[in-house]
Amino acid sequence: MHALLELDEYFVDKFFFAANESYDGKDRHEASIDVDFAVTRSSDGQPRFEVRLFVEVNNKEDFFSKAPYRMDFRVTVYFHFPEGTDENDINKLIVPNGLSILYGVARDIVSRQTEVGRFGRFMQHR
């Protein structure tokens, strides 16, 4: 059985990462995370999609001052549905499934980028 939504490729369009050198690690912090996304269908009407994820972590100074890291990144993923996929299925699946896959991609990128960070790997639990 074929997957209805197939990942074609992905790109990191932006990745800013900073460690808070004055963070002492003694206090438990709550990360401030702002997330947005955009889904765009191919202009030729084919069932191909661009899904973009925009994430800011501890972007405001009052949060960053109490946290180990600040991040700002954007990831773009391209998906397609096999020819003949029902349009209702496409409409039902693209946002939840596309974002679920994209979240996994973004989580892996953040994990790999921060694993060599001063305070260890940053990972927001699911």
PDB file of N, CA and C in Angstrom:
ATOM      1  N   MET A   1       0.830  -1.171   0.000  1.00  0.00           N
ATOM      2  CA  MET A   1       0.000   0.000   0.000  1.00  0.00           C
ATOM      3  C   MET A   1       0.885   1.249   0.000  1.00  0.00           C
ATOM      4  N   HIS A   2       0.615   2.185  -0.882  1.00  0.00           N
ATOM      5  CA  HIS A   2       1.378   3.426  -0.969  1.00  0.00           C
ATOM      6  C   HIS A   2       0.941   4.407   0.106  1.00  0.00           C
ATOM      7  N   ALA A   3       1.915   5.168   0.586  1.00  0.00           N
ATOM      8  CA  ALA A   3       1.581   6.266   1.488  1.00  0.00           C
ATOM      9  C   ALA A   3       0.845   7.318   0.673  1.00  0.00           C
ATOM     10  N   LEU A   4      -0.176   7.917   1.248  1.00  0.00           N
ATOM     11  CA  LEU A   4      -0.898   8.945   0.516  1.00  0.00           C
ATOM     12  C   LEU A   4      -0.089  10.224   0.382  1.00  0.00           C
ATOM     13  N   LEU A   5       0.674  10.572   1.396  1.00  0.00           N
ATOM     14  CA  LEU A   5       1.466  11.793   1.371  1.00  0.00           C
ATOM     15  C   LEU A   5       2.937  11.392   1.331  1.00  0.00           C
ATOM     16  N   GLU A   6       3.629  11.824   0.298  1.00  0.00           N
ATOM     17  CA  GLU A   6       5.017  11.420   0.128  1.00  0.00           C
ATOM     18  C   GLU A   6       5.941  12.635   0.224  1.00  0.00           C
ATOM     19  N   LEU A   7       6.983  12.502   1.043  1.00  0.00           N
ATOM     20  CA  LEU A   7       7.981  13.546   1.235  1.00  0.00           C
ATOM     21  C   LEU A   7       8.939  13.539   0.052  1.00  0.00           C
ATOM     22  N   ASP A   8       9.110  14.701  -0.574  1.00  0.00           N
ATOM     23  CA  ASP A   8      10.037  14.809  -1.699  1.00  0.00           C
ATOM     24  C   ASP A   8      11.405  15.312  -1.232  1.00  0.00           C
ATOM     25  N   GLU A   9      11.431  16.425  -0.526  1.00  0.00           N
ATOM     26  CA  GLU A   9      12.686  16.991  -0.040  1.00  0.00           C
ATOM     27  C   GLU A   9      12.372  18.049   1.011  1.00  0.00           C
ATOM     28  N   TYR A  10      13.419  18.454   1.745  1.00  0.00           N
ATOM     29  CA  TYR A  10      13.245  19.528   2.719  1.00  0.00           C
ATOM     30  C   TYR A  10      14.508  20.374   2.773  1.00  0.00           C
ATOM     31  N   PHE A  11      14.330  21.606   3.254  1.00  0.00           N
ATOM     32  CA  PHE A  11      15.424  22.560   3.351  1.00  0.00           C
ATOM     33  C   PHE A  11      15.316  23.332   4.652  1.00  0.00           C
ATOM     34  N   VAL A  12      16.466  23.671   5.198  1.00  0.00           N
ATOM     35  CA  VAL A  12      16.524  24.622   6.303  1.00  0.00           C
ATOM     36  C   VAL A  12      16.767  25.970   5.647  1.00  0.00           C
ATOM     37  N   ASP A  13      15.787  26.849   5.719  1.00  0.00           N
ATOM     38  CA  ASP A  13      15.890  28.162   5.092  1.00  0.00           C
ATOM     39  C   ASP A  13      16.571  29.176   6.002  1.00  0.00           C
ATOM     40  N   LYS A  14      16.453  28.955   7.306  1.00  0.00           N
ATOM     41  CA  LYS A  14      17.027  29.885   8.277  1.00  0.00           C
ATOM     42  C   LYS A  14      17.261  29.117   9.565  1.00  0.00           C
ATOM     43  N   PHE A  15      18.399  29.360  10.203  1.00  0.00           N
ATOM     44  CA  PHE A  15      18.629  28.777  11.517  1.00  0.00           C
ATOM     45  C   PHE A  15      19.534  29.704  12.297  1.00  0.00           C
ATOM     46  N   PHE A  16      18.979  30.381  13.294  1.00  0.00           N
ATOM     47  CA  PHE A  16      19.746  31.221  14.200  1.00  0.00           C
ATOM     48  C   PHE A  16      19.729  30.538  15.555  1.00  0.00           C
ATOM     49  N   PHE A  17      20.898  30.463  16.167  1.00  0.00           N
ATOM     50  CA  PHE A  17      21.048  29.780  17.438  1.00  0.00           C
ATOM     51  C   PHE A  17      22.019  30.568  18.304  1.00  0.00           C
ATOM     52  N   ALA A  18      21.637  30.845  19.550  1.00  0.00           N
ATOM     53  CA  ALA A  18      22.536  31.528  20.470  1.00  0.00           C
ATOM     54  C   ALA A  18      22.414  30.906  21.853  1.00  0.00           C
ATOM     55  N   ALA A  19      23.551  30.732  22.498  1.00  0.00           N
ATOM     56  CA  ALA A  19      23.565  30.272  23.885  1.00  0.00           C
ATOM     57  C   ALA A  19      23.621  31.491  24.799  1.00  0.00           C
ATOM     58  N   ASN A  20      22.922  31.400  25.899  1.00  0.00           N
ATOM     59  CA  ASN A  20      22.927  32.458  26.902  1.00  0.00           C
ATOM     60  C   ASN A  20      24.115  32.194  27.830  1.00  0.00           C
ATOM     61  N   GLU A  21      25.189  32.917  27.629  1.00  0.00           N
ATOM     62  CA  GLU A  21      26.413  32.675  28.380  1.00  0.00           C
ATOM     63  C   GLU A  21      26.266  32.949  29.874  1.00  0.00           C
ATOM     64  N   SER A  22      25.268  33.720  30.272  1.00  0.00           N
ATOM     65  CA  SER A  22      25.073  34.001  31.698  1.00  0.00           C
ATOM     66  C   SER A  22      24.103  33.015  32.359  1.00  0.00           C
ATOM     67  N   TYR A  23      23.545  32.082  31.593  1.00  0.00           N
ATOM     68  CA  TYR A  23      22.643  31.078  32.168  1.00  0.00           C
ATOM     69  C   TYR A  23      23.458  30.134  33.048  1.00  0.00           C
ATOM     70  N   ASP A  24      23.014  29.962  34.293  1.00  0.00           N
ATOM     71  CA  ASP A  24      23.793  29.131  35.215  1.00  0.00           C
ATOM     72  C   ASP A  24      23.264  27.702  35.331  1.00  0.00           C
ATOM     73  N   GLY A  25      22.106  27.423  34.752  1.00  0.00           N
ATOM     74  CA  GLY A  25      21.569  26.071  34.754  1.00  0.00           C
ATOM     75  C   GLY A  25      20.944  25.643  36.062  1.00  0.00           C
ATOM     76  N   LYS A  26      20.917  26.510  37.069  1.00  0.00           N
ATOM     77  CA  LYS A  26      20.388  26.137  38.378  1.00  0.00           C
ATOM     78  C   LYS A  26      18.864  26.121  38.427  1.00  0.00           C
ATOM     79  N   ASP A  27      18.246  27.055  37.729  1.00  0.00           N
ATOM     80  CA  ASP A  27      16.786  27.143  37.760  1.00  0.00           C
ATOM     81  C   ASP A  27      16.184  26.453  36.547  1.00  0.00           C
ATOM     82  N   ARG A  28      15.087  25.777  36.798  1.00  0.00           N
ATOM     83  CA  ARG A  28      14.354  25.170  35.688  1.00  0.00           C
ATOM     84  C   ARG A  28      13.650  26.302  34.940  1.00  0.00           C
ATOM     85  N   HIS A  29      13.709  26.273  33.648  1.00  0.00           N
ATOM     86  CA  HIS A  29      13.110  27.345  32.844  1.00  0.00           C
ATOM     87  C   HIS A  29      11.972  26.794  31.992  1.00  0.00           C
ATOM     88  N   GLU A  30      11.066  27.660  31.642  1.00  0.00           N
ATOM     89  CA  GLU A  30      10.011  27.338  30.702  1.00  0.00           C
ATOM     90  C   GLU A  30      10.346  28.032  29.397  1.00  0.00           C
ATOM     91  N   ALA A  31      10.432  27.287  28.337  1.00  0.00           N
ATOM     92  CA  ALA A  31      10.754  27.874  27.036  1.00  0.00           C
ATOM     93  C   ALA A  31       9.532  28.611  26.484  1.00  0.00           C
ATOM     94  N   SER A  32       9.784  29.726  25.873  1.00  0.00           N
ATOM     95  CA  SER A  32       8.746  30.467  25.153  1.00  0.00           C
ATOM     96  C   SER A  32       8.886  30.086  23.680  1.00  0.00           C
ATOM     97  N   ILE A  33       7.872  29.426  23.154  1.00  0.00           N
ATOM     98  CA  ILE A  33       7.960  28.938  21.773  1.00  0.00           C
ATOM     99  C   ILE A  33       6.799  29.501  20.963  1.00  0.00           C
ATOM    100  N   ASP A  34       7.143  30.199  19.882  1.00  0.00           N
ATOM    101  CA  ASP A  34       6.147  30.720  18.944  1.00  0.00           C
ATOM    102  C   ASP A  34       6.278  29.951  17.641  1.00  0.00           C
ATOM    103  N   VAL A  35       5.148  29.427  17.164  1.00  0.00           N
ATOM    104  CA  VAL A  35       5.156  28.589  15.964  1.00  0.00           C
ATOM    105  C   VAL A  35       4.098  29.091  14.996  1.00  0.00           C
ATOM    106  N   ASP A  36       4.445  29.083  13.723  1.00  0.00           N
ATOM    107  CA  ASP A  36       3.488  29.390  12.663  1.00  0.00           C
ATOM    108  C   ASP A  36       3.810  28.482  11.485  1.00  0.00           C
ATOM    109  N   PHE A  37       2.880  28.373  10.557  1.00  0.00           N
ATOM    110  CA  PHE A  37       3.118  27.547   9.380  1.00  0.00           C
ATOM    111  C   PHE A  37       2.364  28.114   8.194  1.00  0.00           C
ATOM    112  N   ALA A  38       2.768  27.660   7.027  1.00  0.00           N
ATOM    113  CA  ALA A  38       2.084  28.039   5.794  1.00  0.00           C
ATOM    114  C   ALA A  38       2.078  26.825   4.875  1.00  0.00           C
ATOM    115  N   VAL A  39       0.946  26.611   4.221  1.00  0.00           N
ATOM    116  CA  VAL A  39       0.811  25.505   3.262  1.00  0.00           C
ATOM    117  C   VAL A  39       0.423  26.109   1.924  1.00  0.00           C
ATOM    118  N   THR A  40       1.192  25.774   0.898  1.00  0.00           N
ATOM    119  CA  THR A  40       0.937  26.298  -0.439  1.00  0.00           C
ATOM    120  C   THR A  40       0.877  25.150  -1.432  1.00  0.00           C
ATOM    121  N   ARG A  41      -0.149  25.166  -2.258  1.00  0.00           N
ATOM    122  CA  ARG A  41      -0.277  24.153  -3.298  1.00  0.00           C
ATOM    123  C   ARG A  41       0.431  24.628  -4.560  1.00  0.00           C
ATOM    124  N   SER A  42       0.935  23.694  -5.323  1.00  0.00           N
ATOM    125  CA  SER A  42       1.606  24.006  -6.581  1.00  0.00           C
ATOM    126  C   SER A  42       0.696  24.850  -7.467  1.00  0.00           C
ATOM    127  N   SER A  43       1.269  25.845  -8.124  1.00  0.00           N
ATOM    128  CA  SER A  43       0.464  26.760  -8.948  1.00  0.00           C
ATOM    129  C   SER A  43      -0.141  26.089 -10.177  1.00  0.00           C
ATOM    130  N   ASP A  44       0.367  24.921 -10.558  1.00  0.00           N
ATOM    131  CA  ASP A  44      -0.198  24.226 -11.722  1.00  0.00           C
ATOM    132  C   ASP A  44      -1.369  23.319 -11.346  1.00  0.00           C
ATOM    133  N   GLY A  45      -1.771  23.354 -10.073  1.00  0.00           N
ATOM    134  CA  GLY A  45      -2.930  22.581  -9.633  1.00  0.00           C
ATOM    135  C   GLY A  45      -2.631  21.130  -9.297  1.00  0.00           C
ATOM    136  N   GLN A  46      -1.418  20.687  -9.538  1.00  0.00           N
ATOM    137  CA  GLN A  46      -1.045  19.308  -9.220  1.00  0.00           C
ATOM    138  C   GLN A  46      -1.035  19.124  -7.701  1.00  0.00           C
ATOM    139  N   PRO A  47      -1.173  17.890  -7.243  1.00  0.00           N
ATOM    140  CA  PRO A  47      -1.199  17.650  -5.795  1.00  0.00           C
ATOM    141  C   PRO A  47       0.204  17.668  -5.174  1.00  0.00           C
ATOM    142  N   ARG A  48       0.924  18.779  -5.402  1.00  0.00           N
ATOM    143  CA  ARG A  48       2.246  19.006  -4.805  1.00  0.00           C
ATOM    144  C   ARG A  48       2.130  20.207  -3.868  1.00  0.00           C
ATOM    145  N   PHE A  49       2.787  20.110  -2.728  1.00  0.00           N
ATOM    146  CA  PHE A  49       2.629  21.133  -1.695  1.00  0.00           C
ATOM    147  C   PHE A  49       3.969  21.537  -1.093  1.00  0.00           C
ATOM    148  N   GLU A  50       4.038  22.804  -0.716  1.00  0.00           N
ATOM    149  CA  GLU A  50       5.139  23.335   0.068  1.00  0.00           C
ATOM    150  C   GLU A  50       4.567  23.630   1.446  1.00  0.00           C
ATOM    151  N   VAL A  51       5.190  23.084   2.475  1.00  0.00           N
ATOM    152  CA  VAL A  51       4.760  23.321   3.847  1.00  0.00           C
ATOM    153  C   VAL A  51       5.941  23.946   4.576  1.00  0.00           C
ATOM    154  N   ARG A  52       5.701  25.110   5.178  1.00  0.00           N
ATOM    155  CA  ARG A  52       6.759  25.842   5.864  1.00  0.00           C
ATOM    156  C   ARG A  52       6.431  25.962   7.345  1.00  0.00           C
ATOM    157  N   LEU A  53       7.451  25.789   8.151  1.00  0.00           N
ATOM    158  CA  LEU A  53       7.318  25.899   9.594  1.00  0.00           C
ATOM    159  C   LEU A  53       8.243  27.014  10.069  1.00  0.00           C
ATOM    160  N   PHE A  54       7.692  27.942  10.859  1.00  0.00           N
ATOM    161  CA  PHE A  54       8.434  29.070  11.397  1.00  0.00           C
ATOM    162  C   PHE A  54       8.438  28.932  12.915  1.00  0.00           C
ATOM    163  N   VAL A  55       9.614  28.914  13.521  1.00  0.00           N
ATOM    164  CA  VAL A  55       9.702  28.692  14.963  1.00  0.00           C
ATOM    165  C   VAL A  55      10.660  29.694  15.592  1.00  0.00           C
ATOM    166  N   GLU A  56      10.217  30.297  16.690  1.00  0.00           N
ATOM    167  CA  GLU A  56      11.063  31.160  17.509  1.00  0.00           C
ATOM    168  C   GLU A  56      11.037  30.609  18.931  1.00  0.00           C
ATOM    169  N   VAL A  57      12.214  30.446  19.512  1.00  0.00           N
ATOM    170  CA  VAL A  57      12.336  29.929  20.874  1.00  0.00           C
ATOM    171  C   VAL A  57      13.056  30.978  21.721  1.00  0.00           C
ATOM    172  N   ASN A  58      12.406  31.381  22.796  1.00  0.00           N
ATOM    173  CA  ASN A  58      12.962  32.368  23.727  1.00  0.00           C
ATOM    174  C   ASN A  58      13.420  33.638  23.015  1.00  0.00           C
ATOM    175  N   ASN A  59      12.626  34.098  22.099  1.00  0.00           N
ATOM    176  CA  ASN A  59      12.993  35.265  21.301  1.00  0.00           C
ATOM    177  C   ASN A  59      12.958  36.562  22.112  1.00  0.00           C
ATOM    178  N   LYS A  60      12.067  36.629  23.086  1.00  0.00           N
ATOM    179  CA  LYS A  60      11.964  37.832  23.913  1.00  0.00           C
ATOM    180  C   LYS A  60      13.018  37.792  25.009  1.00  0.00           C
ATOM    181  N   GLU A  61      13.602  38.937  25.281  1.00  0.00           N
ATOM    182  CA  GLU A  61      14.732  39.020  26.214  1.00  0.00           C
ATOM    183  C   GLU A  61      14.395  38.502  27.608  1.00  0.00           C
ATOM    184  N   ASP A  62      13.157  38.751  28.094  1.00  0.00           N
ATOM    185  CA  ASP A  62      12.811  38.288  29.443  1.00  0.00           C
ATOM    186  C   ASP A  62      12.806  36.763  29.542  1.00  0.00           C
ATOM    187  N   PHE A  63      12.513  36.056  28.451  1.00  0.00           N
ATOM    188  CA  PHE A  63      12.583  34.592  28.462  1.00  0.00           C
ATOM    189  C   PHE A  63      14.027  34.129  28.268  1.00  0.00           C
ATOM    190  N   PHE A  64      14.735  34.747  27.312  1.00  0.00           N
ATOM    191  CA  PHE A  64      16.104  34.329  27.022  1.00  0.00           C
ATOM    192  C   PHE A  64      17.018  34.530  28.227  1.00  0.00           C
ATOM    193  N   SER A  65      16.768  35.555  29.016  1.00  0.00           N
ATOM    194  CA  SER A  65      17.623  35.826  30.180  1.00  0.00           C
ATOM    195  C   SER A  65      17.565  34.706  31.215  1.00  0.00           C
ATOM    196  N   LYS A  66      16.526  33.870  31.164  1.00  0.00           N
ATOM    197  CA  LYS A  66      16.358  32.768  32.123  1.00  0.00           C
ATOM    198  C   LYS A  66      16.496  31.408  31.464  1.00  0.00           C
ATOM    199  N   ALA A  67      16.925  31.374  30.216  1.00  0.00           N
ATOM    200  CA  ALA A  67      16.965  30.127  29.452  1.00  0.00           C
ATOM    201  C   ALA A  67      18.358  29.892  28.859  1.00  0.00           C
ATOM    202  N   PRO A  68      18.656  28.651  28.526  1.00  0.00           N
ATOM    203  CA  PRO A  68      19.977  28.370  27.972  1.00  0.00           C
ATOM    204  C   PRO A  68      20.150  28.803  26.514  1.00  0.00           C
ATOM    205  N   TYR A  69      19.066  28.769  25.726  1.00  0.00           N
ATOM    206  CA  TYR A  69      19.201  29.017  24.295  1.00  0.00           C
ATOM    207  C   TYR A  69      18.121  29.943  23.743  1.00  0.00           C
ATOM    208  N   ARG A  70      18.453  30.533  22.627  1.00  0.00           N
ATOM    209  CA  ARG A  70      17.506  31.285  21.799  1.00  0.00           C
ATOM    210  C   ARG A  70      17.665  30.729  20.384  1.00  0.00           C
ATOM    211  N   MET A  71      16.524  30.530  19.715  1.00  0.00           N
ATOM    212  CA  MET A  71      16.557  30.027  18.335  1.00  0.00           C
ATOM    213  C   MET A  71      15.487  30.706  17.497  1.00  0.00           C
ATOM    214  N   ASP A  72      15.772  30.777  16.237  1.00  0.00           N
ATOM    215  CA  ASP A  72      14.818  31.292  15.252  1.00  0.00           C
ATOM    216  C   ASP A  72      15.108  30.523  13.974  1.00  0.00           C
ATOM    217  N   PHE A  73      14.166  29.703  13.541  1.00  0.00           N
ATOM    218  CA  PHE A  73      14.441  28.918  12.338  1.00  0.00           C
ATOM    219  C   PHE A  73      13.207  28.718  11.480  1.00  0.00           C
ATOM    220  N   ARG A  74      13.483  28.380  10.234  1.00  0.00           N
ATOM    221  CA  ARG A  74      12.420  28.127   9.257  1.00  0.00           C
ATOM    222  C   ARG A  74      12.831  26.906   8.437  1.00  0.00           C
ATOM    223  N   VAL A  75      11.901  25.973   8.318  1.00  0.00           N
ATOM    224  CA  VAL A  75      12.124  24.746   7.557  1.00  0.00           C
ATOM    225  C   VAL A  75      11.015  24.624   6.517  1.00  0.00           C
ATOM    226  N   THR A  76      11.398  24.247   5.305  1.00  0.00           N
ATOM    227  CA  THR A  76      10.438  24.060   4.219  1.00  0.00           C
ATOM    228  C   THR A  76      10.504  22.619   3.736  1.00  0.00           C
ATOM    229  N   VAL A  77       9.337  22.004   3.613  1.00  0.00           N
ATOM    230  CA  VAL A  77       9.241  20.624   3.142  1.00  0.00           C
ATOM    231  C   VAL A  77       8.337  20.596   1.913  1.00  0.00           C
ATOM    232  N   TYR A  78       8.688  19.750   0.952  1.00  0.00           N
ATOM    233  CA  TYR A  78       7.880  19.564  -0.249  1.00  0.00           C
ATOM    234  C   TYR A  78       7.306  18.152  -0.243  1.00  0.00           C
ATOM    235  N   PHE A  79       5.999  18.090  -0.463  1.00  0.00           N
ATOM    236  CA  PHE A  79       5.270  16.828  -0.485  1.00  0.00           C
ATOM    237  C   PHE A  79       4.498  16.709  -1.793  1.00  0.00           C
ATOM    238  N   HIS A  80       4.116  15.478  -2.092  1.00  0.00           N
ATOM    239  CA  HIS A  80       3.159  15.279  -3.173  1.00  0.00           C
ATOM    240  C   HIS A  80       2.258  14.094  -2.811  1.00  0.00           C
ATOM    241  N   PHE A  81       1.114  14.103  -3.432  1.00  0.00           N
ATOM    242  CA  PHE A  81       0.186  12.980  -3.340  1.00  0.00           C
ATOM    243  C   PHE A  81       0.258  12.233  -4.658  1.00  0.00           C
ATOM    244  N   PRO A  82       0.147  10.911  -4.641  1.00  0.00           N
ATOM    245  CA  PRO A  82       0.159  10.156  -5.891  1.00  0.00           C
ATOM    246  C   PRO A  82      -0.995  10.583  -6.810  1.00  0.00           C
ATOM    247  N   GLU A  83      -0.751  10.497  -8.084  1.00  0.00           N
ATOM    248  CA  GLU A  83      -1.780  10.834  -9.071  1.00  0.00           C
ATOM    249  C   GLU A  83      -3.038  10.019  -8.797  1.00  0.00           C
ATOM    250  N   GLY A  84      -4.164  10.649  -8.887  1.00  0.00           N
ATOM    251  CA  GLY A  84      -5.441   9.979  -8.675  1.00  0.00           C
ATOM    252  C   GLY A  84      -5.932  10.003  -7.243  1.00  0.00           C
ATOM    253  N   THR A  85      -5.162  10.602  -6.333  1.00  0.00           N
ATOM    254  CA  THR A  85      -5.611  10.705  -4.939  1.00  0.00           C
ATOM    255  C   THR A  85      -6.847  11.601  -4.885  1.00  0.00           C
ATOM    256  N   ASP A  86      -7.854  11.138  -4.183  1.00  0.00           N
ATOM    257  CA  ASP A  86      -9.102  11.880  -4.060  1.00  0.00           C
ATOM    258  C   ASP A  86      -8.861  13.252  -3.438  1.00  0.00           C
ATOM    259  N   GLU A  87      -9.463  14.286  -4.007  1.00  0.00           N
ATOM    260  CA  GLU A  87      -9.276  15.662  -3.538  1.00  0.00           C
ATOM    261  C   GLU A  87      -9.724  15.832  -2.089  1.00  0.00           C
ATOM    262  N   ASN A  88     -10.761  15.137  -1.671  1.00  0.00           N
ATOM    263  CA  ASN A  88     -11.199  15.203  -0.269  1.00  0.00           C
ATOM    264  C   ASN A  88     -10.129  14.661   0.668  1.00  0.00           C
ATOM    265  N   ASP A  89      -9.478  13.571   0.261  1.00  0.00           N
ATOM    266  CA  ASP A  89      -8.389  13.011   1.064  1.00  0.00           C
ATOM    267  C   ASP A  89      -7.228  13.995   1.160  1.00  0.00           C
ATOM    268  N   ILE A  90      -6.915  14.627   0.041  1.00  0.00           N
ATOM    269  CA  ILE A  90      -5.834  15.622   0.034  1.00  0.00           C
ATOM    270  C   ILE A  90      -6.139  16.742   1.027  1.00  0.00           C
ATOM    271  N   ASN A  91      -7.331  17.272   0.951  1.00  0.00           N
ATOM    272  CA  ASN A  91      -7.723  18.379   1.829  1.00  0.00           C
ATOM    273  C   ASN A  91      -7.721  17.984   3.302  1.00  0.00           C
ATOM    274  N   LYS A  92      -8.070  16.736   3.601  1.00  0.00           N
ATOM    275  CA  LYS A  92      -8.097  16.271   4.984  1.00  0.00           C
ATOM    276  C   LYS A  92      -6.701  15.981   5.521  1.00  0.00           C
ATOM    277  N   LEU A  93      -5.782  15.590   4.647  1.00  0.00           N
ATOM    278  CA  LEU A  93      -4.496  15.080   5.107  1.00  0.00           C
ATOM    279  C   LEU A  93      -3.332  16.065   5.070  1.00  0.00           C
ATOM    280  N   ILE A  94      -3.366  17.032   4.171  1.00  0.00           N
ATOM    281  CA  ILE A  94      -2.166  17.841   3.969  1.00  0.00           C
ATOM    282  C   ILE A  94      -1.727  18.594   5.227  1.00  0.00           C
ATOM    283  N   VAL A  95      -2.637  19.233   5.922  1.00  0.00           N
ATOM    284  CA  VAL A  95      -2.214  20.018   7.091  1.00  0.00           C
ATOM    285  C   VAL A  95      -1.799  19.115   8.254  1.00  0.00           C
ATOM    286  N   PRO A  96      -2.642  18.217   8.761  1.00  0.00           N
ATOM    287  CA  PRO A  96      -2.197  17.453   9.937  1.00  0.00           C
ATOM    288  C   PRO A  96      -1.024  16.514   9.645  1.00  0.00           C
ATOM    289  N   ASN A  97      -1.057  15.837   8.517  1.00  0.00           N
ATOM    290  CA  ASN A  97       0.022  14.898   8.218  1.00  0.00           C
ATOM    291  C   ASN A  97       1.289  15.621   7.777  1.00  0.00           C
ATOM    292  N   GLY A  98       1.123  16.661   6.964  1.00  0.00           N
ATOM    293  CA  GLY A  98       2.283  17.434   6.522  1.00  0.00           C
ATOM    294  C   GLY A  98       3.004  18.067   7.698  1.00  0.00           C
ATOM    295  N   LEU A  99       2.251  18.667   8.623  1.00  0.00           N
ATOM    296  CA  LEU A  99       2.872  19.293   9.794  1.00  0.00           C
ATOM    297  C   LEU A  99       3.477  18.261  10.737  1.00  0.00           C
ATOM    298  N   SER A 100       2.854  17.113  10.852  1.00  0.00           N
ATOM    299  CA  SER A 100       3.401  16.059  11.703  1.00  0.00           C
ATOM    300  C   SER A 100       4.768  15.603  11.190  1.00  0.00           C
ATOM    301  N   ILE A 101       4.868  15.406   9.904  1.00  0.00           N
ATOM    302  CA  ILE A 101       6.144  15.013   9.303  1.00  0.00           C
ATOM    303  C   ILE A 101       7.158  16.144   9.440  1.00  0.00           C
ATOM    304  N   LEU A 102       6.721  17.367   9.172  1.00  0.00           N
ATOM    305  CA  LEU A 102       7.604  18.523   9.263  1.00  0.00           C
ATOM    306  C   LEU A 102       8.095  18.735  10.694  1.00  0.00           C
ATOM    307  N   TYR A 103       7.251  18.495  11.679  1.00  0.00           N
ATOM    308  CA  TYR A 103       7.653  18.608  13.071  1.00  0.00           C
ATOM    309  C   TYR A 103       8.805  17.651  13.372  1.00  0.00           C
ATOM    310  N   GLY A 104       8.698  16.426  12.877  1.00  0.00           N
ATOM    311  CA  GLY A 104       9.771  15.456  13.081  1.00  0.00           C
ATOM    312  C   GLY A 104      11.079  15.904  12.441  1.00  0.00           C
ATOM    313  N   VAL A 105      10.999  16.471  11.247  1.00  0.00           N
ATOM    314  CA  VAL A 105      12.179  16.992  10.559  1.00  0.00           C
ATOM    315  C   VAL A 105      12.793  18.127  11.374  1.00  0.00           C
ATOM    316  N   ALA A 106      11.957  19.079  11.810  1.00  0.00           N
ATOM    317  CA  ALA A 106      12.438  20.232  12.572  1.00  0.00           C
ATOM    318  C   ALA A 106      13.037  19.795  13.905  1.00  0.00           C
ATOM    319  N   ARG A 107      12.406  18.867  14.557  1.00  0.00           N
ATOM    320  CA  ARG A 107      12.897  18.362  15.848  1.00  0.00           C
ATOM    321  C   ARG A 107      14.286  17.750  15.688  1.00  0.00           C
ATOM    322  N   ASP A 108      14.491  17.006  14.626  1.00  0.00           N
ATOM    323  CA  ASP A 108      15.790  16.397  14.356  1.00  0.00           C
ATOM    324  C   ASP A 108      16.852  17.469  14.082  1.00  0.00           C
ATOM    325  N   ILE A 109      16.491  18.485  13.313  1.00  0.00           N
ATOM    326  CA  ILE A 109      17.430  19.557  12.998  1.00  0.00           C
ATOM    327  C   ILE A 109      17.849  20.297  14.270  1.00  0.00           C
ATOM    328  N   VAL A 110      16.888  20.642  15.114  1.00  0.00           N
ATOM    329  CA  VAL A 110      17.196  21.341  16.369  1.00  0.00           C
ATOM    330  C   VAL A 110      18.060  20.462  17.261  1.00  0.00           C
ATOM    331  N   SER A 111      17.740  19.207  17.355  1.00  0.00           N
ATOM    332  CA  SER A 111      18.506  18.290  18.182  1.00  0.00           C
ATOM    333  C   SER A 111      19.962  18.215  17.716  1.00  0.00           C
ATOM    334  N   ARG A 112      20.154  18.072  16.416  1.00  0.00           N
ATOM    335  CA  ARG A 112      21.519  17.980  15.882  1.00  0.00           C
ATOM    336  C   ARG A 112      22.287  19.286  16.034  1.00  0.00           C
ATOM    337  N   GLN A 113      21.626  20.409  15.850  1.00  0.00           N
ATOM    338  CA  GLN A 113      22.313  21.701  15.954  1.00  0.00           C
ATOM    339  C   GLN A 113      22.703  22.031  17.391  1.00  0.00           C
ATOM    340  N   THR A 114      21.886  21.626  18.343  1.00  0.00           N
ATOM    341  CA  THR A 114      22.152  21.998  19.731  1.00  0.00           C
ATOM    342  C   THR A 114      22.938  20.944  20.499  1.00  0.00           C
ATOM    343  N   GLU A 115      23.157  19.777  19.949  1.00  0.00           N
ATOM    344  CA  GLU A 115      23.843  18.736  20.714  1.00  0.00           C
ATOM    345  C   GLU A 115      25.275  19.127  21.086  1.00  0.00           C
ATOM    346  N   VAL A 116      25.858  20.065  20.368  1.00  0.00           N
ATOM    347  CA  VAL A 116      27.194  20.539  20.718  1.00  0.00           C
ATOM    348  C   VAL A 116      27.127  21.885  21.448  1.00  0.00           C
ATOM    349  N   GLY A 117      25.933  22.284  21.842  1.00  0.00           N
ATOM    350  CA  GLY A 117      25.746  23.549  22.557  1.00  0.00           C
ATOM    351  C   GLY A 117      26.273  23.476  23.980  1.00  0.00           C
ATOM    352  N   ARG A 118      26.567  24.609  24.514  1.00  0.00           N
ATOM    353  CA  ARG A 118      27.128  24.770  25.860  1.00  0.00           C
ATOM    354  C   ARG A 118      26.297  24.063  26.932  1.00  0.00           C
ATOM    355  N   PHE A 119      24.977  24.015  26.768  1.00  0.00           N
ATOM    356  CA  PHE A 119      24.099  23.436  27.779  1.00  0.00           C
ATOM    357  C   PHE A 119      23.472  22.121  27.329  1.00  0.00           C
ATOM    358  N   GLY A 120      24.016  21.526  26.299  1.00  0.00           N
ATOM    359  CA  GLY A 120      23.514  20.247  25.817  1.00  0.00           C
ATOM    360  C   GLY A 120      22.324  20.407  24.889  1.00  0.00           C
ATOM    361  N   ARG A 121      21.839  19.298  24.462  1.00  0.00           N
ATOM    362  CA  ARG A 121      20.770  19.233  23.467  1.00  0.00           C
ATOM    363  C   ARG A 121      19.485  19.875  23.973  1.00  0.00           C
ATOM    364  N   PHE A 122      18.892  20.716  23.122  1.00  0.00           N
ATOM    365  CA  PHE A 122      17.578  21.302  23.411  1.00  0.00           C
ATOM    366  C   PHE A 122      16.537  20.424  22.741  1.00  0.00           C
ATOM    367  N   MET A 123      15.587  19.959  23.530  1.00  0.00           N
ATOM    368  CA  MET A 123      14.534  19.140  22.952  1.00  0.00           C
ATOM    369  C   MET A 123      13.246  19.446  23.670  1.00  0.00           C
ATOM    370  N   GLN A 124      12.273  19.925  22.929  1.00  0.00           N
ATOM    371  CA  GLN A 124      10.958  20.166  23.497  1.00  0.00           C
ATOM    372  C   GLN A 124      10.195  18.851  23.424  1.00  0.00           C
ATOM    373  N   HIS A 125       9.725  18.390  24.553  1.00  0.00           N
ATOM    374  CA  HIS A 125       9.005  17.105  24.587  1.00  0.00           C
ATOM    375  C   HIS A 125       7.672  17.241  23.873  1.00  0.00           C
ATOM    376  N   ARG A 126       7.246  16.143  23.282  1.00  0.00           N
ATOM    377  CA  ARG A 126       5.992  16.122  22.520  1.00  0.00           C
ATOM    378  C   ARG A 126       4.799  16.293  23.399  1.00  0.00           C
TER     379      ARG A 126
END
